[in-house]
Amino acid sequence: MAPAGSEIRAERLVFIDESGAKTNMTRLYGRAFGGKRAVDTAPHGHWCTTTMISALRFDASTADMVLDARRTV
């Protein structure tokens, strides 16, 4: 903990961020022009979860890591 009255420099801060994506997060409904049916493809039966963890700094994102599984941080 910083002593009272001292300043925290933004260049020294590092935030850890975790994000995830799943292949089964596909829209089931859509819209099309002119009353036509919306048609698209989606993966079937091969559900994957990808987790990305990275360190966010004042000027850049560093130490990125991608994991092919669900994580609870």
N, C-alpha and C. Protein backbone atom coordinates (compact mmCIF):
# COMPACT_ATOMS: atom_id res chain seq x y z
N MET A 1 0.85 -1.18 0.00
CA MET A 1 0.00 0.00 0.00
C MET A 1 0.89 1.23 0.00
N ALA A 2 0.51 2.21 -0.81
CA ALA A 2 1.30 3.43 -0.93
C ALA A 2 1.10 4.32 0.29
N PRO A 3 2.16 4.97 0.73
CA PRO A 3 2.02 5.89 1.87
C PRO A 3 1.11 7.06 1.52
N ALA A 4 0.47 7.64 2.51
CA ALA A 4 -0.44 8.76 2.31
C ALA A 4 0.30 9.92 1.67
N GLY A 5 -0.34 10.54 0.69
CA GLY A 5 0.25 11.70 0.03
C GLY A 5 1.11 11.34 -1.17
N SER A 6 1.40 10.08 -1.40
CA SER A 6 2.21 9.73 -2.57
C SER A 6 1.31 9.56 -3.79
N GLU A 7 1.89 9.70 -4.96
CA GLU A 7 1.14 9.57 -6.20
C GLU A 7 1.33 8.18 -6.79
N ILE A 8 0.28 7.67 -7.43
CA ILE A 8 0.37 6.40 -8.13
C ILE A 8 0.57 6.72 -9.61
N ARG A 9 1.66 6.27 -10.17
CA ARG A 9 1.96 6.54 -11.57
C ARG A 9 1.26 5.51 -12.44
N ALA A 10 0.53 5.97 -13.45
CA ALA A 10 -0.22 5.09 -14.34
C ALA A 10 0.68 4.13 -15.09
N GLU A 11 1.93 4.51 -15.36
CA GLU A 11 2.86 3.64 -16.07
C GLU A 11 3.21 2.38 -15.29
N ARG A 12 3.01 2.39 -13.98
CA ARG A 12 3.37 1.25 -13.15
C ARG A 12 2.20 0.30 -12.87
N LEU A 13 0.98 0.69 -13.28
CA LEU A 13 -0.19 -0.15 -13.03
C LEU A 13 -0.31 -1.26 -14.07
N VAL A 14 -0.70 -2.45 -13.64
CA VAL A 14 -0.95 -3.59 -14.53
C VAL A 14 -2.27 -4.22 -14.10
N PHE A 15 -3.19 -4.38 -15.05
CA PHE A 15 -4.48 -5.00 -14.78
C PHE A 15 -4.54 -6.35 -15.50
N ILE A 16 -5.03 -7.36 -14.82
CA ILE A 16 -5.18 -8.68 -15.41
C ILE A 16 -6.62 -8.82 -15.90
N ASP A 17 -6.79 -9.23 -17.18
CA ASP A 17 -8.12 -9.36 -17.76
C ASP A 17 -8.29 -10.76 -18.33
N GLU A 18 -9.49 -11.31 -18.16
CA GLU A 18 -9.81 -12.65 -18.66
C GLU A 18 -11.06 -12.55 -19.52
N SER A 19 -10.99 -13.10 -20.72
CA SER A 19 -12.13 -13.10 -21.63
C SER A 19 -12.32 -14.51 -22.17
N GLY A 20 -13.52 -14.80 -22.64
CA GLY A 20 -13.78 -16.13 -23.17
C GLY A 20 -14.69 -16.09 -24.37
N ALA A 21 -14.59 -17.12 -25.19
CA ALA A 21 -15.45 -17.26 -26.36
C ALA A 21 -15.81 -18.73 -26.52
N LYS A 22 -17.04 -18.97 -26.98
CA LYS A 22 -17.50 -20.34 -27.17
C LYS A 22 -18.04 -20.48 -28.59
N THR A 23 -17.81 -21.63 -29.21
CA THR A 23 -18.28 -21.82 -30.57
C THR A 23 -19.77 -22.11 -30.63
N ASN A 24 -20.40 -22.43 -29.51
CA ASN A 24 -21.84 -22.68 -29.55
C ASN A 24 -22.65 -21.41 -29.28
N MET A 25 -22.02 -20.26 -29.28
CA MET A 25 -22.73 -19.00 -29.09
C MET A 25 -23.17 -18.47 -30.46
N THR A 26 -23.92 -19.26 -31.18
CA THR A 26 -24.39 -18.92 -32.50
C THR A 26 -25.84 -18.46 -32.43
N ARG A 27 -26.16 -17.43 -33.17
CA ARG A 27 -27.54 -16.95 -33.19
C ARG A 27 -28.45 -17.99 -33.81
N LEU A 28 -29.60 -18.17 -33.22
CA LEU A 28 -30.57 -19.12 -33.75
C LEU A 28 -31.57 -18.46 -34.68
N TYR A 29 -31.69 -17.15 -34.61
CA TYR A 29 -32.65 -16.42 -35.43
C TYR A 29 -31.95 -15.25 -36.10
N GLY A 30 -32.43 -14.87 -37.28
CA GLY A 30 -31.84 -13.75 -38.00
C GLY A 30 -32.89 -13.01 -38.82
N ARG A 31 -32.47 -11.95 -39.47
CA ARG A 31 -33.36 -11.15 -40.31
C ARG A 31 -32.78 -11.08 -41.71
N ALA A 32 -33.65 -10.99 -42.68
CA ALA A 32 -33.23 -10.86 -44.07
C ALA A 32 -34.11 -9.82 -44.76
N PHE A 33 -33.61 -9.23 -45.84
CA PHE A 33 -34.35 -8.21 -46.58
C PHE A 33 -35.48 -8.82 -47.40
N GLY A 34 -36.50 -8.07 -47.60
CA GLY A 34 -37.58 -8.45 -48.51
C GLY A 34 -38.40 -9.65 -48.08
N GLY A 35 -38.48 -9.95 -46.80
CA GLY A 35 -39.26 -11.08 -46.32
C GLY A 35 -38.67 -12.43 -46.65
N LYS A 36 -37.40 -12.46 -47.11
CA LYS A 36 -36.75 -13.72 -47.44
C LYS A 36 -36.21 -14.38 -46.18
N ARG A 37 -35.94 -15.65 -46.27
CA ARG A 37 -35.44 -16.42 -45.13
C ARG A 37 -33.93 -16.19 -44.96
N ALA A 38 -33.50 -15.98 -43.71
CA ALA A 38 -32.07 -15.83 -43.41
C ALA A 38 -31.45 -17.22 -43.26
N VAL A 39 -30.41 -17.50 -44.04
CA VAL A 39 -29.76 -18.81 -44.02
C VAL A 39 -28.28 -18.63 -43.75
N ASP A 40 -27.73 -19.43 -42.86
CA ASP A 40 -26.30 -19.39 -42.56
C ASP A 40 -25.89 -20.74 -42.00
N THR A 41 -24.60 -20.95 -41.80
CA THR A 41 -24.11 -22.21 -41.25
C THR A 41 -23.54 -21.98 -39.86
N ALA A 42 -23.49 -23.05 -39.10
CA ALA A 42 -22.92 -23.00 -37.75
C ALA A 42 -22.27 -24.35 -37.46
N PRO A 43 -21.21 -24.36 -36.64
CA PRO A 43 -20.59 -25.64 -36.31
C PRO A 43 -21.57 -26.52 -35.54
N HIS A 44 -21.50 -27.82 -35.75
CA HIS A 44 -22.40 -28.74 -35.08
C HIS A 44 -21.61 -29.83 -34.39
N GLY A 45 -21.82 -29.97 -33.10
CA GLY A 45 -21.23 -31.07 -32.35
C GLY A 45 -19.77 -30.93 -31.99
N HIS A 46 -19.14 -29.80 -32.32
CA HIS A 46 -17.73 -29.60 -31.96
C HIS A 46 -17.63 -28.31 -31.17
N TRP A 47 -18.15 -28.34 -29.95
CA TRP A 47 -18.19 -27.13 -29.12
C TRP A 47 -16.84 -26.94 -28.45
N CYS A 48 -16.30 -25.75 -28.56
CA CYS A 48 -15.01 -25.43 -27.94
C CYS A 48 -15.16 -24.16 -27.12
N THR A 49 -14.39 -24.08 -26.06
CA THR A 49 -14.31 -22.88 -25.26
C THR A 49 -12.87 -22.42 -25.24
N THR A 50 -12.65 -21.15 -25.52
CA THR A 50 -11.31 -20.58 -25.53
C THR A 50 -11.27 -19.45 -24.51
N THR A 51 -10.24 -19.43 -23.70
CA THR A 51 -10.06 -18.40 -22.69
C THR A 51 -8.79 -17.61 -23.01
N MET A 52 -8.86 -16.28 -22.96
CA MET A 52 -7.69 -15.44 -23.16
C MET A 52 -7.44 -14.64 -21.90
N ILE A 53 -6.23 -14.72 -21.42
CA ILE A 53 -5.82 -13.96 -20.24
C ILE A 53 -4.67 -13.05 -20.66
N SER A 54 -4.76 -11.78 -20.30
CA SER A 54 -3.69 -10.85 -20.66
C SER A 54 -3.49 -9.80 -19.58
N ALA A 55 -2.31 -9.21 -19.61
CA ALA A 55 -1.96 -8.13 -18.70
C ALA A 55 -2.08 -6.82 -19.47
N LEU A 56 -2.91 -5.92 -18.98
CA LEU A 56 -3.13 -4.63 -19.65
C LEU A 56 -2.35 -3.55 -18.92
N ARG A 57 -1.53 -2.85 -19.67
CA ARG A 57 -0.73 -1.76 -19.12
C ARG A 57 -1.20 -0.43 -19.70
N PHE A 58 -0.59 0.63 -19.25
CA PHE A 58 -0.92 1.99 -19.68
C PHE A 58 -0.77 2.16 -21.19
N ASP A 59 0.25 1.56 -21.78
CA ASP A 59 0.56 1.80 -23.18
C ASP A 59 0.39 0.58 -24.08
N ALA A 60 0.14 -0.60 -23.53
CA ALA A 60 0.03 -1.79 -24.38
C ALA A 60 -0.57 -2.95 -23.61
N SER A 61 -0.89 -4.00 -24.35
CA SER A 61 -1.32 -5.26 -23.76
C SER A 61 -0.13 -6.21 -23.81
N THR A 62 0.23 -6.78 -22.68
CA THR A 62 1.41 -7.65 -22.64
C THR A 62 1.04 -8.98 -22.01
N ALA A 63 1.88 -9.96 -22.19
CA ALA A 63 1.75 -11.28 -21.58
C ALA A 63 0.41 -11.93 -21.90
N ASP A 64 0.07 -11.98 -23.19
CA ASP A 64 -1.18 -12.62 -23.60
C ASP A 64 -1.03 -14.14 -23.57
N MET A 65 -2.10 -14.83 -23.14
CA MET A 65 -2.08 -16.29 -23.08
C MET A 65 -3.47 -16.79 -23.50
N VAL A 66 -3.51 -17.76 -24.41
CA VAL A 66 -4.78 -18.34 -24.87
C VAL A 66 -4.81 -19.79 -24.44
N LEU A 67 -5.93 -20.19 -23.80
CA LEU A 67 -6.10 -21.55 -23.31
C LEU A 67 -7.32 -22.17 -23.99
N ASP A 68 -7.19 -23.41 -24.42
CA ASP A 68 -8.29 -24.10 -25.08
C ASP A 68 -9.18 -24.82 -24.08
N ALA A 69 -9.66 -24.10 -23.10
CA ALA A 69 -10.54 -24.68 -22.09
C ALA A 69 -11.16 -23.54 -21.29
N ARG A 70 -12.19 -23.89 -20.54
CA ARG A 70 -12.85 -22.91 -19.67
C ARG A 70 -12.04 -22.79 -18.39
N ARG A 71 -11.87 -21.58 -17.92
CA ARG A 71 -11.12 -21.32 -16.69
C ARG A 71 -11.97 -20.48 -15.75
N THR A 72 -11.82 -20.70 -14.49
CA THR A 72 -12.44 -19.87 -13.47
C THR A 72 -11.31 -19.18 -12.72
N VAL A 73 -11.26 -17.87 -12.89
CA VAL A 73 -10.16 -17.11 -12.28
C VAL A 73 -10.66 -16.38 -11.06
